[in-house]
C-alpha atoms as a PDB file:
ATOM      1  CA  MET A   1     -20.549  26.882  39.678  1.00  0.00           C
ATOM      2  CA  TYR A   2     -17.971  24.114  39.642  1.00  0.00           C
ATOM      3  CA  PHE A   3     -14.299  24.768  38.920  1.00  0.00           C
ATOM      4  CA  ALA A   4     -11.791  22.000  38.306  1.00  0.00           C
ATOM      5  CA  ASP A   5      -9.276  21.520  41.063  1.00  0.00           C
ATOM      6  CA  PRO A   6      -5.856  22.392  39.569  1.00  0.00           C
ATOM      7  CA  THR A   7      -4.213  19.680  41.658  1.00  0.00           C
ATOM      8  CA  SER A   8      -6.362  16.865  40.243  1.00  0.00           C
ATOM      9  CA  ALA A   9      -4.956  14.397  37.723  1.00  0.00           C
ATOM     10  CA  PHE A  10      -7.266  15.666  35.004  1.00  0.00           C
ATOM     11  CA  GLY A  11      -6.796  19.349  35.703  1.00  0.00           C
ATOM     12  CA  SER A  12      -5.689  21.925  33.188  1.00  0.00           C
ATOM     13  CA  LEU A  13      -2.773  19.953  31.685  1.00  0.00           C
ATOM     14  CA  GLY A  14      -3.013  16.671  33.572  1.00  0.00           C
ATOM     15  CA  GLY A  15      -4.652  14.785  30.682  1.00  0.00           C
ATOM     16  CA  LEU A  16      -2.250  16.001  28.008  1.00  0.00           C
ATOM     17  CA  PRO A  17       0.337  13.209  28.466  1.00  0.00           C
ATOM     18  CA  PHE A  18      -2.399  10.589  28.080  1.00  0.00           C
ATOM     19  CA  ILE A  19      -3.619  12.163  24.856  1.00  0.00           C
ATOM     20  CA  LEU A  20      -0.073  12.353  23.466  1.00  0.00           C
ATOM     21  CA  LEU A  21       0.567   8.734  24.473  1.00  0.00           C
ATOM     22  CA  PHE A  22      -2.649   7.730  22.694  1.00  0.00           C
ATOM     23  CA  PHE A  23      -1.579   9.401  19.426  1.00  0.00           C
ATOM     24  CA  VAL A  24       1.916   7.896  19.592  1.00  0.00           C
ATOM     25  CA  ALA A  25       0.438   4.432  20.157  1.00  0.00           C
ATOM     26  CA  MET A  26      -2.003   4.875  17.266  1.00  0.00           C
ATOM     27  CA  TYR A  27       0.869   5.886  14.972  1.00  0.00           C
ATOM     28  CA  PHE A  28       2.883   2.764  15.762  1.00  0.00           C
ATOM     29  CA  LEU A  29      -0.136   0.439  15.638  1.00  0.00           C
ATOM     30  CA  LEU A  30      -1.870   1.756  12.519  1.00  0.00           C
ATOM     31  CA  PHE A  31       0.161   4.111  10.365  1.00  0.00           C
ATOM     32  CA  ALA A  32       3.723   2.756  10.572  1.00  0.00           C
ATOM     33  CA  PRO A  33       2.843  -0.806   9.420  1.00  0.00           C
ATOM     34  CA  GLN A  34       0.764   0.582   6.554  1.00  0.00           C
ATOM     35  CA  GLN A  35       3.630   2.796   5.395  1.00  0.00           C
ATOM     36  CA  LYS A  36       6.015  -0.167   5.507  1.00  0.00           C
ATOM     37  CA  LYS A  37       3.605  -2.266   3.455  1.00  0.00           C
ATOM     38  CA  GLN A  38       3.207   0.559   0.913  1.00  0.00           C
ATOM     39  CA  LYS A  39       6.987   0.868   0.487  1.00  0.00           C
ATOM     40  CA  GLN A  40       7.285  -2.882  -0.107  1.00  0.00           C
ATOM     41  CA  TRP A  41       4.531  -2.732  -2.741  1.00  0.00           C
ATOM     42  CA  GLN A  42       6.206   0.193  -4.517  1.00  0.00           C
ATOM     43  CA  ALA A  43       9.473  -1.771  -4.594  1.00  0.00           C
ATOM     44  CA  LYS A  44       7.675  -4.790  -6.057  1.00  0.00           C
ATOM     45  CA  LEU A  45       6.062  -2.619  -8.758  1.00  0.00           C
ATOM     46  CA  ALA A  46       9.479  -1.229  -9.675  1.00  0.00           C
ATOM     47  CA  GLN A  47      10.805  -4.779 -10.223  1.00  0.00           C
ATOM     48  CA  ILE A  48       8.110  -5.900 -12.678  1.00  0.00           C
ATOM     49  CA  LYS A  49       9.677  -7.124 -15.888  1.00  0.00           C
ATOM     50  CA  VAL A  50       8.560  -8.619 -19.191  1.00  0.00           C
ATOM     51  CA  GLY A  51       6.988 -12.036 -18.682  1.00  0.00           C
ATOM     52  CA  ASP A  52       5.502 -11.386 -15.242  1.00  0.00           C
ATOM     53  CA  LYS A  53       1.808 -12.072 -14.829  1.00  0.00           C
ATOM     54  CA  VAL A  54      -0.264  -9.227 -13.375  1.00  0.00           C
ATOM     55  CA  THR A  55      -3.835  -8.666 -12.258  1.00  0.00           C
ATOM     56  CA  THR A  56      -5.317  -5.179 -12.482  1.00  0.00           C
ATOM     57  CA  ALA A  57      -7.574  -3.549  -9.935  1.00  0.00           C
ATOM     58  CA  GLY A  58     -10.444  -4.165 -12.367  1.00  0.00           C
ATOM     59  CA  GLY A  59      -9.739  -7.907 -12.474  1.00  0.00           C
ATOM     60  CA  VAL A  60      -8.045  -8.118 -15.882  1.00  0.00           C
ATOM     61  CA  ARG A  61      -5.263 -10.704 -15.943  1.00  0.00           C
ATOM     62  CA  GLY A  62      -2.425 -10.767 -18.400  1.00  0.00           C
ATOM     63  CA  THR A  63       1.282 -11.051 -19.101  1.00  0.00           C
ATOM     64  CA  VAL A  64       3.564  -8.020 -19.269  1.00  0.00           C
ATOM     65  CA  VAL A  65       5.020  -7.620 -22.769  1.00  0.00           C
ATOM     66  CA  ALA A  66       6.583  -4.149 -22.373  1.00  0.00           C
ATOM     67  CA  VAL A  67       7.537  -1.825 -19.528  1.00  0.00           C
ATOM     68  CA  LYS A  68       7.512   1.949 -19.982  1.00  0.00           C
ATOM     69  CA  ASP A  69       8.028   4.761 -17.452  1.00  0.00           C
ATOM     70  CA  ASP A  70       4.623   4.659 -15.759  1.00  0.00           C
ATOM     71  CA  VAL A  71       2.773   2.182 -18.000  1.00  0.00           C
ATOM     72  CA  PHE A  72       2.844  -1.572 -18.547  1.00  0.00           C
ATOM     73  CA  VAL A  73       1.712  -3.124 -21.817  1.00  0.00           C
ATOM     74  CA  VAL A  74      -0.179  -6.285 -20.898  1.00  0.00           C
ATOM     75  CA  ARG A  75      -1.290  -9.064 -23.264  1.00  0.00           C
ATOM     76  CA  CYS A  76      -4.580 -10.675 -22.278  1.00  0.00           C
ATOM     77  CA  GLN A  77      -5.705 -14.125 -23.400  1.00  0.00           C
ATOM     78  CA  PRO A  78      -7.436 -15.692 -25.334  1.00  0.00           C
ATOM     79  CA  ASP A  79      -7.448 -13.031 -28.066  1.00  0.00           C
ATOM     80  CA  SER A  80      -3.959 -11.649 -27.337  1.00  0.00           C
ATOM     81  CA  VAL A  81      -5.367  -8.172 -26.821  1.00  0.00           C
ATOM     82  CA  LYS A  82      -2.716  -5.678 -25.690  1.00  0.00           C
ATOM     83  CA  LEU A  83      -3.685  -3.149 -23.029  1.00  0.00           C
ATOM     84  CA  GLU A  84      -1.728  -0.275 -21.517  1.00  0.00           C
ATOM     85  CA  ILE A  85      -2.103  -0.300 -17.748  1.00  0.00           C
ATOM     86  CA  VAL A  86      -0.769   2.418 -15.432  1.00  0.00           C
ATOM     87  CA  LYS A  87       1.328   1.196 -12.523  1.00  0.00           C
ATOM     88  CA  SER A  88      -1.237   2.335  -9.975  1.00  0.00           C
ATOM     89  CA  GLY A  89      -3.796   0.024 -11.628  1.00  0.00           C
ATOM     90  CA  ILE A  90      -1.870  -3.154 -10.787  1.00  0.00           C
ATOM     91  CA  ALA A  91      -3.379  -5.103  -7.888  1.00  0.00           C
ATOM     92  CA  ALA A  92      -1.275  -8.296  -7.865  1.00  0.00           C
ATOM     93  CA  VAL A  93       1.940  -9.561  -9.429  1.00  0.00           C
ATOM     94  CA  THR A  94       3.049 -13.148 -10.053  1.00  0.00           C
ATOM     95  CA  THR A  95       6.679 -13.381 -11.053  1.00  0.00           C
ATOM     96  CA  ASP A  96       8.576 -16.420 -12.312  1.00  0.00           C
ATOM     97  CA  GLU A  97      10.238 -16.731  -8.880  1.00  0.00           C
ATOM     98  CA  ASP A  98       6.800 -16.927  -7.203  1.00  0.00           C
ATOM     99  CA  VAL A  99       5.739 -19.770  -9.494  1.00  0.00           C
ATOM    100  CA  LYS A 100       8.924 -21.775  -8.834  1.00  0.00           C
ATOM    101  CA  ALA A 101       8.615 -21.406  -5.048  1.00  0.00           C
END
């Protein structure tokens, strides 16, 4: 039977620092940038106002005509159909400032 040598680098707790370092690196490489991006998107959703052009996750494009607590009323062309879209359904926003830039 083989027993691990307690003095080796990968003995009972020798590999623990490497595992912890791996998880810390993965947090800063994967999760932290995604959280930052999500916060920026939430801030952009909070700034949507009447007149902004939006695209939903389903591909419907329209202009915001009213803003409620958690719903946008969007007018779609060419028939001027009004749709209520929840904030989580918005995929892209084009504001007047974006068009001018």
